[in-house]
Protein backbone atom coordinates (compact mmCIF):
# COMPACT_ATOMS: atom_id res chain seq x y z
CA UNK A 1 34.42 45.18 4.19
CA UNK A 2 36.19 42.69 6.43
CA UNK A 3 33.57 40.57 8.14
CA UNK A 4 36.33 38.52 10.01
CA UNK A 5 37.81 38.58 13.44
CA UNK A 6 38.38 41.60 15.18
CA UNK A 7 35.03 43.02 15.56
CA UNK A 8 32.19 41.74 18.02
CA UNK A 9 30.56 38.78 16.56
CA UNK A 10 27.87 37.76 19.05
CA UNK A 11 24.99 38.71 16.95
CA UNK A 12 24.23 37.29 13.44
CA UNK A 13 23.80 40.72 12.10
CA UNK A 14 27.16 42.28 13.47
CA UNK A 15 29.50 40.90 10.74
CA UNK A 16 27.43 42.83 8.21
CA UNK A 17 26.92 46.01 9.93
CA UNK A 18 30.58 45.98 10.69
CA UNK A 19 31.47 46.87 7.19
CA UNK A 20 29.61 50.28 7.49
CA UNK A 21 31.81 51.51 10.45
CA UNK A 22 35.71 52.04 10.47
CA UNK A 23 37.52 49.13 12.15
CA UNK A 24 40.69 50.89 12.79
CA UNK A 25 39.66 53.40 15.30
CA UNK A 26 39.29 53.22 19.28
CA UNK A 27 35.91 52.16 20.87
CA UNK A 28 33.63 55.17 20.71
CA UNK A 29 34.96 56.91 17.62
CA UNK A 30 33.89 54.41 14.87
CA UNK A 31 30.88 56.24 13.75
CA UNK A 32 32.81 59.39 13.59
CA UNK A 33 35.26 58.03 11.59
CA UNK A 34 33.00 56.76 8.96
CA UNK A 35 32.69 60.49 7.78
CA UNK A 36 36.06 62.27 6.33
CA UNK A 37 34.96 66.11 6.13
CA UNK A 38 38.48 67.15 5.52
CA UNK A 39 37.50 70.59 7.06
CA UNK A 40 40.57 71.11 9.67
CA UNK A 41 44.08 70.20 10.31
CA UNK A 42 44.86 68.39 13.37
CA UNK A 43 45.59 71.65 15.49
CA UNK A 44 43.16 74.14 13.72
CA UNK A 45 39.76 74.42 14.75
CA UNK A 46 37.28 74.37 11.61
CA UNK A 47 35.99 77.62 10.52
CA UNK A 48 32.79 76.67 9.09
CA UNK A 49 30.06 74.10 10.13
CA UNK A 50 30.01 70.82 8.28
CA UNK A 51 26.51 68.62 7.60
CA UNK A 52 26.92 65.56 5.92
CA UNK A 53 24.35 62.65 5.27
CA UNK A 54 25.15 59.17 3.74
CA UNK A 55 22.88 56.07 2.95
CA UNK A 56 24.49 52.74 2.29
CA UNK A 57 23.10 49.32 1.08
CA UNK A 58 24.96 45.95 1.93
CA UNK A 59 23.95 42.61 0.73
CA UNK A 60 26.06 39.29 0.87
CA UNK A 61 25.54 35.72 -0.25
CA UNK A 62 27.05 32.50 -0.66
CA UNK A 63 26.23 29.92 -3.74
CA UNK A 64 22.64 29.52 -3.86
CA UNK A 65 21.94 31.51 -0.70
CA UNK A 66 21.15 35.17 -0.13
CA UNK A 67 22.23 35.99 3.30
CA UNK A 68 22.27 39.42 4.89
CA UNK A 69 21.21 42.76 3.73
CA UNK A 70 21.71 46.07 5.73
CA UNK A 71 20.22 49.59 4.91
CA UNK A 72 21.86 52.29 7.00
CA UNK A 73 21.38 55.75 7.05
CA UNK A 74 23.88 58.07 8.77
CA UNK A 75 23.97 61.79 9.57
CA UNK A 76 27.17 63.72 10.60
CA UNK A 77 27.59 67.30 11.97
CA UNK A 78 30.83 69.38 12.87
CA UNK A 79 30.62 72.91 14.12
CA UNK A 80 33.21 75.35 15.60
CA UNK A 81 32.53 76.63 19.04
CA UNK A 82 33.90 79.80 20.68
CA UNK A 83 37.02 80.03 18.30
CA UNK A 84 39.20 77.34 19.83
CA UNK A 85 36.64 74.43 20.24
CA UNK A 86 34.78 72.39 17.94
CA UNK A 87 32.02 69.71 18.46
CA UNK A 88 31.19 66.75 16.20
CA UNK A 89 28.14 64.20 15.90
CA UNK A 90 27.08 61.46 14.28
CA UNK A 91 24.16 59.02 14.14
CA UNK A 92 23.45 55.73 12.17
CA UNK A 93 20.41 53.59 11.89
CA UNK A 94 20.84 49.95 10.41
CA UNK A 95 18.00 47.78 9.57
CA UNK A 96 19.26 44.38 8.96
CA UNK A 97 17.60 41.11 7.75
CA UNK A 98 18.44 37.87 6.42
CA UNK A 99 19.94 34.73 7.75
CA UNK A 100 23.06 33.28 9.43
CA UNK A 101 24.58 29.98 9.12
CA UNK A 102 24.89 27.79 12.41
CA UNK A 103 27.59 25.67 11.06
CA UNK A 104 30.50 26.55 9.13
CA UNK A 105 29.34 28.02 5.71
CA UNK A 106 26.25 25.44 5.33
CA UNK A 107 22.93 26.78 4.55
CA UNK A 108 19.73 26.65 6.32
CA UNK A 109 18.67 23.21 5.06
CA UNK A 110 21.91 21.57 7.07
CA UNK A 111 22.49 24.29 9.74
CA UNK A 112 18.86 25.10 10.94
CA UNK A 113 19.90 29.00 10.42
CA UNK A 114 16.94 31.01 11.34
CA UNK A 115 15.55 34.22 9.69
CA UNK A 116 16.16 37.34 11.45
CA UNK A 117 15.52 41.07 11.43
CA UNK A 118 16.97 43.76 13.37
CA UNK A 119 17.44 47.50 13.78
CA UNK A 120 20.58 49.11 15.20
CA UNK A 121 20.90 52.81 16.44
CA UNK A 122 24.12 54.31 17.27
CA UNK A 123 25.38 57.71 18.14
CA UNK A 124 28.54 59.42 18.95
CA UNK A 125 29.52 62.73 19.90
CA UNK A 126 33.13 64.43 20.34
CA UNK A 127 34.45 67.62 21.69
CA UNK A 128 37.76 69.07 20.67
CA UNK A 129 39.95 71.87 22.11
CA UNK A 130 42.72 73.09 19.81
CA UNK A 131 45.77 74.71 21.30
CA UNK A 132 48.73 76.51 19.52
CA UNK A 133 50.23 73.34 18.01
CA UNK A 134 48.03 70.64 19.50
CA UNK A 135 44.53 69.42 20.10
CA UNK A 136 42.53 67.30 22.65
CA UNK A 137 39.53 65.32 22.02
CA UNK A 138 36.84 63.49 24.31
CA UNK A 139 34.03 61.30 22.92
CA UNK A 140 31.02 59.34 24.00
CA UNK A 141 29.30 56.58 21.82
CA UNK A 142 26.07 54.39 22.20
CA UNK A 143 25.04 51.52 20.06
CA UNK A 144 21.68 49.81 20.80
CA UNK A 145 20.12 46.77 18.79
CA UNK A 146 17.53 44.21 19.75
CA UNK A 147 19.85 42.07 22.03
CA UNK A 148 23.29 43.99 22.06
CA UNK A 149 24.28 47.29 23.86
CA UNK A 150 27.70 48.93 23.75
CA UNK A 151 28.62 52.09 25.52
CA UNK A 152 32.01 53.67 24.81
CA UNK A 153 34.20 56.62 25.56
CA UNK A 154 37.34 57.73 23.96
CA UNK A 155 40.34 60.25 24.70
CA UNK A 156 43.01 61.39 22.30
CA UNK A 157 45.54 64.06 21.80
CA UNK A 158 47.89 65.24 18.95
CA UNK A 159 50.58 67.64 18.90
CA UNK A 160 52.82 68.82 16.11
CA UNK A 161 56.62 69.70 15.85
CA UNK A 162 57.46 73.70 15.38
CA UNK A 163 57.79 73.17 11.60
CA UNK A 164 54.35 71.16 11.66
CA UNK A 165 55.98 68.41 9.79
CA UNK A 166 55.29 65.94 12.17
CA UNK A 167 52.40 65.05 14.50
CA UNK A 168 52.19 62.52 17.39
CA UNK A 169 49.18 60.90 18.37
CA UNK A 170 47.93 59.16 21.39
CA UNK A 171 44.71 57.90 22.65
CA UNK A 172 42.56 55.62 24.92
CA UNK A 173 39.30 53.92 24.25
CA UNK A 174 36.98 51.82 26.54
CA UNK A 175 33.90 50.06 25.75
CA UNK A 176 31.41 48.09 27.58
CA UNK A 177 29.14 45.91 25.88
CA UNK A 178 25.96 43.82 27.23
CA UNK A 179 24.58 40.63 25.35
CA UNK A 180 21.12 39.52 26.21
CA UNK A 181 19.05 37.61 23.69
CA UNK A 182 16.23 36.46 26.01
CA UNK A 183 13.76 38.63 24.02
CA UNK A 184 14.56 36.38 20.95
CA UNK A 185 13.59 33.19 22.65
CA UNK A 186 17.03 31.72 22.54
CA UNK A 187 18.13 32.39 26.17
CA UNK A 188 21.69 31.39 25.80
CA UNK A 189 23.16 34.56 26.69
CA UNK A 190 21.30 36.37 29.38
CA UNK A 191 22.86 39.68 30.81
CA UNK A 192 26.37 38.75 29.65
CA UNK A 193 29.08 41.42 29.51
CA UNK A 194 32.42 42.36 27.75
CA UNK A 195 34.69 45.18 28.25
CA UNK A 196 37.55 46.30 26.00
CA UNK A 197 40.33 48.83 26.63
CA UNK A 198 42.43 50.22 23.94
CA UNK A 199 45.58 52.23 23.65
CA UNK A 200 46.68 53.92 20.60
CA UNK A 201 50.09 55.79 19.56
CA UNK A 202 51.20 57.17 16.29
CA UNK A 203 53.27 59.43 14.30
CA UNK A 204 52.50 61.27 10.98
CA UNK A 205 55.55 62.70 9.02
CA UNK A 206 55.85 64.87 6.01
CA UNK A 207 58.66 63.13 4.12
CA UNK A 208 58.56 65.75 1.22
CA UNK A 209 56.24 67.93 -0.53
CA UNK A 210 54.61 65.29 -2.27
CA UNK A 211 54.84 62.48 0.54
CA UNK A 212 53.39 61.90 3.88
CA UNK A 213 53.48 58.66 6.15
CA UNK A 214 52.04 57.44 9.14
CA UNK A 215 52.19 54.77 11.61
CA UNK A 216 50.02 53.67 14.26
CA UNK A 217 50.31 51.25 16.91
CA UNK A 218 47.16 49.80 19.04
CA UNK A 219 46.86 47.45 21.94
CA UNK A 220 43.46 46.10 22.93
CA UNK A 221 42.79 44.20 25.97
CA UNK A 222 39.17 42.71 26.13
CA UNK A 223 37.60 40.35 28.65
CA UNK A 224 34.15 38.82 29.13
CA UNK A 225 31.67 37.00 26.93
CA UNK A 226 32.97 36.37 23.38
CA UNK A 227 30.68 33.31 22.38
CA UNK A 228 28.14 33.62 19.67
CA UNK A 229 24.88 32.79 21.38
CA UNK A 230 23.24 31.94 17.97
CA UNK A 231 25.71 29.16 17.18
CA UNK A 232 25.38 25.88 19.11
CA UNK A 233 28.38 24.75 20.85
CA UNK A 234 30.11 28.01 20.32
CA UNK A 235 32.63 28.26 23.37
CA UNK A 236 35.42 30.80 23.09
CA UNK A 237 38.10 32.17 25.75
CA UNK A 238 36.89 34.93 27.89
CA UNK A 239 40.08 36.94 27.36
CA UNK A 240 40.93 38.60 23.72
CA UNK A 241 43.88 40.73 23.52
CA UNK A 242 45.30 42.11 20.18
CA UNK A 243 47.92 44.15 18.57
CA UNK A 244 47.45 46.29 15.48
CA UNK A 245 50.15 47.92 13.60
CA UNK A 246 48.99 50.22 10.86
CA UNK A 247 51.38 52.13 8.27
CA UNK A 248 50.00 54.37 5.51
CA UNK A 249 52.03 56.33 2.69
CA UNK A 250 50.10 58.89 0.62
CA UNK A 251 52.39 59.97 -2.63
CA UNK A 252 51.57 62.90 -4.95
CA UNK A 253 51.98 61.82 -8.77
CA UNK A 254 52.69 65.26 -10.42
CA UNK A 255 52.64 63.93 -13.80
CA UNK A 256 48.99 62.54 -13.25
CA UNK A 257 48.03 65.27 -10.91
CA UNK A 258 46.69 62.27 -8.47
CA UNK A 259 47.31 61.04 -5.07
CA UNK A 260 48.27 57.49 -4.45
CA UNK A 261 47.26 56.01 -1.13
CA UNK A 262 48.59 53.02 0.13
CA UNK A 263 48.37 51.13 3.44
CA UNK A 264 49.44 47.87 5.31
CA UNK A 265 47.83 46.69 8.77
CA UNK A 266 48.81 43.62 10.72
CA UNK A 267 46.47 42.19 13.31
CA UNK A 268 47.37 39.46 16.07
CA UNK A 269 45.20 38.37 18.81
CA UNK A 270 45.43 35.61 21.60
CA UNK A 271 42.71 33.81 19.77
CA UNK A 272 45.35 32.79 17.40
CA UNK A 273 44.24 34.92 14.47
CA UNK A 274 46.68 36.74 12.59
CA UNK A 275 45.93 38.90 9.63
CA UNK A 276 47.26 41.18 7.08
CA UNK A 277 45.51 43.92 4.92
CA UNK A 278 46.92 45.71 1.95
CA UNK A 279 45.27 48.71 0.31
CA UNK A 280 45.72 50.83 -2.73
CA UNK A 281 43.68 53.62 -4.02
CA UNK A 282 44.17 56.42 -6.57
CA UNK A 283 42.47 59.73 -6.12
CA UNK A 284 42.20 61.50 -9.60
CA UNK A 285 40.61 65.05 -9.78
CA UNK A 286 38.84 65.73 -13.18
CA UNK A 287 37.72 69.28 -13.14
CA UNK A 288 34.77 69.33 -10.67
CA UNK A 289 34.99 65.59 -10.38
CA UNK A 290 36.98 63.33 -8.56
CA UNK A 291 37.67 59.68 -9.63
CA UNK A 292 39.02 57.03 -6.88
CA UNK A 293 39.42 53.52 -7.72
CA UNK A 294 40.79 51.17 -4.96
CA UNK A 295 41.74 47.61 -4.20
CA UNK A 296 42.34 45.78 -0.92
CA UNK A 297 43.49 42.41 -0.14
CA UNK A 298 43.15 40.62 3.19
CA UNK A 299 44.31 37.14 4.73
CA UNK A 300 43.91 35.86 7.84
CA UNK A 301 44.95 32.54 9.85
CA UNK A 302 42.32 30.60 11.76
CA UNK A 303 41.79 30.86 15.31
CA UNK A 304 43.34 28.04 17.41
CA UNK A 305 40.03 26.70 18.53
CA UNK A 306 38.33 26.86 15.12
CA UNK A 307 36.92 23.46 14.01
CA UNK A 308 37.41 22.59 10.47
CA UNK A 309 34.17 20.77 8.69
CA UNK A 310 33.77 17.11 8.40
CA UNK A 311 32.52 15.46 5.32
CA UNK A 312 31.32 11.86 4.75
CA UNK A 313 32.36 9.10 2.51
CA UNK A 314 30.55 10.80 -0.72
CA UNK A 315 32.46 14.12 0.27
CA UNK A 316 29.49 15.85 1.58
CA UNK A 317 29.15 18.15 4.75
CA UNK A 318 28.42 15.64 7.71
CA UNK A 319 26.57 17.64 10.18
CA UNK A 320 26.14 14.63 12.59
CA UNK A 321 29.80 14.05 12.65
CA UNK A 322 30.56 17.71 13.39
CA UNK A 323 27.92 17.89 16.13
CA UNK A 324 29.16 14.55 17.70
CA UNK A 325 32.85 16.08 17.82
CA UNK A 326 31.52 19.37 19.36
CA UNK A 327 29.76 17.53 21.87
CA UNK A 328 32.95 15.68 22.76
CA UNK A 329 34.97 18.80 22.94
CA UNK A 330 32.41 20.43 25.29
CA UNK A 331 32.29 17.59 27.48
CA UNK A 332 36.08 17.80 27.80
CA UNK A 333 36.01 21.59 28.40
CA UNK A 334 37.63 22.49 25.14
CA UNK A 335 37.09 25.84 23.48
CA UNK A 336 35.33 25.57 19.89
CA UNK A 337 33.73 27.35 17.34
CA UNK A 338 32.55 26.49 13.83
CA UNK A 339 32.23 30.32 13.03
CA UNK A 340 33.54 30.75 9.28
CA UNK A 341 34.83 34.10 10.30
CA UNK A 342 37.38 32.56 12.61
CA UNK A 343 38.51 30.38 9.57
CA UNK A 344 41.68 30.81 7.63
CA UNK A 345 40.93 32.59 4.23
CA UNK A 346 41.59 35.20 2.01
CA UNK A 347 39.74 38.35 0.47
CA UNK A 348 39.75 40.62 -2.36
CA UNK A 349 37.99 44.00 -2.49
CA UNK A 350 37.41 46.21 -5.53
CA UNK A 351 36.06 49.88 -4.98
CA UNK A 352 35.25 52.96 -7.08
CA UNK A 353 34.25 56.29 -5.47
CA UNK A 354 32.96 59.10 -7.66
CA UNK A 355 32.84 62.69 -6.18
CA UNK A 356 31.35 65.81 -7.63
CA UNK A 357 31.81 69.27 -6.28
CA UNK A 358 28.76 71.37 -6.85
CA UNK A 359 30.21 74.27 -5.39
CA UNK A 360 33.33 74.64 -3.27
CA UNK A 361 31.26 74.01 -0.04
CA UNK A 362 29.08 71.24 -1.38
CA UNK A 363 30.01 67.65 -2.41
CA UNK A 364 28.02 64.64 -3.59
CA UNK A 365 29.74 61.20 -3.98
CA UNK A 366 28.86 57.70 -4.87
CA UNK A 367 30.78 54.59 -3.79
CA UNK A 368 30.71 51.07 -4.84
CA UNK A 369 32.60 47.91 -3.17
CA UNK A 370 32.40 44.26 -4.23
CA UNK A 371 34.07 41.66 -2.04
CA UNK A 372 35.07 38.18 -2.40
CA UNK A 373 36.28 35.70 0.13
CA UNK A 374 37.61 32.46 -0.43
CA UNK A 375 40.00 29.82 1.21
CA UNK A 376 41.98 29.84 -1.97
CA UNK A 377 42.74 33.43 -1.64
CA UNK A 378 44.59 32.87 1.73
CA UNK A 379 48.31 34.08 1.34
CA UNK A 380 51.04 31.65 2.02
CA UNK A 381 49.05 28.39 1.34
CA UNK A 382 45.54 26.95 1.09
CA UNK A 383 43.08 28.19 3.93
CA UNK A 384 40.53 26.18 5.92
CA UNK A 385 38.95 23.37 4.00
CA UNK A 386 35.17 23.14 3.25
CA UNK A 387 34.36 27.13 3.12
CA UNK A 388 31.85 28.25 0.51
CA UNK A 389 32.85 31.22 -1.33
CA UNK A 390 31.33 34.30 0.17
CA UNK A 391 30.59 37.46 -1.62
CA UNK A 392 29.18 40.94 -0.56
CA UNK A 393 28.34 44.39 -2.28
CA UNK A 394 28.09 47.68 -0.67
CA UNK A 395 26.88 50.98 -2.35
CA UNK A 396 26.78 54.26 -0.70
CA UNK A 397 25.66 57.52 -1.62
CA UNK A 398 26.30 60.93 0.32
CA UNK A 399 26.28 64.72 0.45
CA UNK A 400 28.14 67.21 2.47
CA UNK A 401 27.99 70.87 2.91
CA UNK A 402 29.99 73.64 4.67
CA UNK A 403 28.28 76.80 5.84
């Protein structure tokens, strides 16, 4: 649940809907990664068909102001084909409503933020060919909302050592996005485009009977329209490249009969944003139940062109002063943004997931996450000034069945 810097933010709803999809996968694979059927290893075709359905509700707020709500229904199917092949497909429908601030984190009274309602439909399909100690996959994806369309493809391969203790992964993803808000009567982004190429390599190593480690490195190169057309004076560079390093370690605690899963993610881009994410959760089986509490800490620096808010003599947000500064920077041709997602802040997420195995092939689950974002949580010192605290909650129920 990180509504910050490394996902598309041209539409007010995208920061909210991004929490419903995975953010660490190649373009074209996000919806598929939202499910974890766990039915097959990397080099073995699934023996059964898996069908999973999930429903999620997201809401966020700032002091005295309820902002965005999202209701999302998802469906996932994975099926074996001809022994050595499998096909996966997923679909999601997001219904988004609420308001988004125009200036920093100020409310509608100061910023003129408008109410909005939107629906996003997205789908992915992925085909995998399994070999003796390898697998090759290709995927296609489409996401469509009122003013934003994204088409994506992905290619990836993974292969294992002879003892199956080490698996290498390589992948490529491409996404082509189109932004057009003329139907909303705003007309600040008509037929604008953005293209992104991503390259990923990684290795997973079995360290001991109770330890598995993984490291992935991703390079993303993007160009095109990055402005937020719903924010006045929002002018961002037309190139955004980034590096993502992700390390995971899973450790089995024999005395507790539980699995401890830890992760660290480093992100850096040409906007000047750098972020660190630490995650930890514990999966504890209790008969047919599995209890998984988790915690995640996130901290990011501000973009080089992010504008801090200005206050008047009484310490109140000075919208006129901010507007005057933005006009002067725009006249000088300087990049600028008052988008809080490009500010410096920290965030803490607490989660709890409860799963119940009705049968060996049928599982139900319930997950709850609560998210708190403030400038004070920024690691290594104070974050950007004048940011109102930001809170969010996410609840998801799901069921999966194999046959």
